[in-house]
């Protein structure tokens, strides 16, 4: 499958072994996985095929390929946990809310 060759080339570019590429949670390794996901999509693979090659769930692939989905999750987490230190500090309103798209 062409996806495996592409993943191997990304691993070589980022100088990562299989263990680091697939299992590590470090930011550099996550960036390499996101890079691979985007390249696989550009190569014509669908979300399920990418998930199989990347050893991830299809929803994870969709999350990294759709920026509006990440914005919605960030907004939902920020509003549910109230991460601001002072109650009167407003939260930044993401673009999808400004455009009238419901989360």
Protein backbone atom coordinates (compact mmCIF):
# COMPACT_ATOMS: atom_id res chain seq x y z
CA UNK A 1 0.00 0.00 0.00
CA UNK A 2 1.37 3.40 -0.93
CA UNK A 3 0.42 4.84 2.46
CA UNK A 4 3.00 2.75 4.30
CA UNK A 5 5.80 3.97 2.04
CA UNK A 6 4.73 7.57 2.57
CA UNK A 7 4.70 7.10 6.36
CA UNK A 8 8.17 5.55 6.22
CA UNK A 9 9.45 8.57 4.27
CA UNK A 10 7.96 10.98 6.85
CA UNK A 11 9.57 8.97 9.64
CA UNK A 12 12.93 9.19 7.86
CA UNK A 13 12.52 12.95 7.27
CA UNK A 14 11.79 13.58 10.94
CA UNK A 15 14.42 11.02 12.02
CA UNK A 16 11.98 9.00 14.10
CA UNK A 17 11.76 5.32 14.83
CA UNK A 18 8.51 3.41 14.69
CA UNK A 19 8.07 3.48 18.48
CA UNK A 20 8.45 7.26 18.67
CA UNK A 21 6.35 7.95 15.61
CA UNK A 22 3.34 5.86 16.57
CA UNK A 23 3.33 5.88 20.38
CA UNK A 24 5.03 9.02 21.69
CA UNK A 25 3.05 12.04 22.90
CA UNK A 26 5.88 14.54 22.49
CA UNK A 27 5.05 17.60 20.41
CA UNK A 28 7.74 16.91 17.78
CA UNK A 29 6.42 13.39 17.26
CA UNK A 30 2.82 14.59 17.10
CA UNK A 31 3.84 17.14 14.46
CA UNK A 32 5.37 14.35 12.40
CA UNK A 33 2.15 12.32 12.61
CA UNK A 34 0.07 15.32 11.56
CA UNK A 35 2.43 15.90 8.65
CA UNK A 36 2.01 12.26 7.59
CA UNK A 37 -1.79 12.47 7.88
CA UNK A 38 -1.88 15.54 5.64
CA UNK A 39 0.43 13.93 3.08
CA UNK A 40 -1.66 10.76 3.03
CA UNK A 41 -4.80 12.81 2.40
CA UNK A 42 -3.05 14.70 -0.40
CA UNK A 43 -2.04 11.33 -1.90
CA UNK A 44 -5.73 10.44 -2.21
CA UNK A 45 -6.37 8.13 0.74
CA UNK A 46 -9.67 8.41 2.58
CA UNK A 47 -10.01 8.81 6.35
CA UNK A 48 -10.43 5.08 7.03
CA UNK A 49 -7.35 4.15 5.00
CA UNK A 50 -5.30 6.87 6.70
CA UNK A 51 -6.48 5.65 10.12
CA UNK A 52 -5.39 2.11 9.27
CA UNK A 53 -1.91 3.22 8.17
CA UNK A 54 -1.48 5.62 11.11
CA UNK A 55 -2.80 3.12 13.71
CA UNK A 56 -5.37 5.63 14.87
CA UNK A 57 -9.14 5.90 14.90
CA UNK A 58 -10.93 7.52 11.96
CA UNK A 59 -12.19 10.30 14.23
CA UNK A 60 -8.58 11.23 15.12
CA UNK A 61 -7.73 11.58 11.44
CA UNK A 62 -10.80 13.72 10.86
CA UNK A 63 -9.89 15.87 13.87
CA UNK A 64 -6.46 16.74 12.45
CA UNK A 65 -7.73 17.34 8.92
CA UNK A 66 -10.60 19.66 9.81
CA UNK A 67 -9.56 22.87 11.60
CA UNK A 68 -13.16 23.83 12.45
CA UNK A 69 -13.52 20.60 14.43
CA UNK A 70 -10.46 21.46 16.53
CA UNK A 71 -11.81 25.00 17.12
CA UNK A 72 -15.12 23.61 18.31
CA UNK A 73 -13.46 21.23 20.74
CA UNK A 74 -11.16 23.93 22.11
CA UNK A 75 -14.14 26.24 22.61
CA UNK A 76 -16.24 23.51 24.24
CA UNK A 77 -13.45 22.57 26.66
CA UNK A 78 -12.71 26.21 27.48
CA UNK A 79 -16.33 27.02 28.23
CA UNK A 80 -16.98 23.87 30.24
CA UNK A 81 -13.90 24.13 32.43
CA UNK A 82 -13.68 27.93 32.67
CA UNK A 83 -9.93 28.03 32.42
CA UNK A 84 -9.69 31.77 32.96
CA UNK A 85 -8.35 32.84 36.33
CA UNK A 86 -10.86 35.63 36.85
CA UNK A 87 -14.61 35.13 36.34
CA UNK A 88 -15.02 38.47 34.54
CA UNK A 89 -12.35 37.72 31.91
CA UNK A 90 -14.15 36.91 28.64
CA UNK A 91 -13.23 33.89 26.58
CA UNK A 92 -12.11 34.42 23.01
CA UNK A 93 -14.96 33.67 20.63
CA UNK A 94 -13.80 31.34 17.87
CA UNK A 95 -14.53 32.16 14.22
CA UNK A 96 -17.18 29.46 13.80
CA UNK A 97 -19.29 31.07 16.54
CA UNK A 98 -18.91 34.49 14.95
CA UNK A 99 -20.11 33.01 11.65
CA UNK A 100 -23.20 31.53 13.28
CA UNK A 101 -22.17 27.87 13.07
CA UNK A 102 -23.31 25.94 16.11
CA UNK A 103 -20.76 23.74 17.89
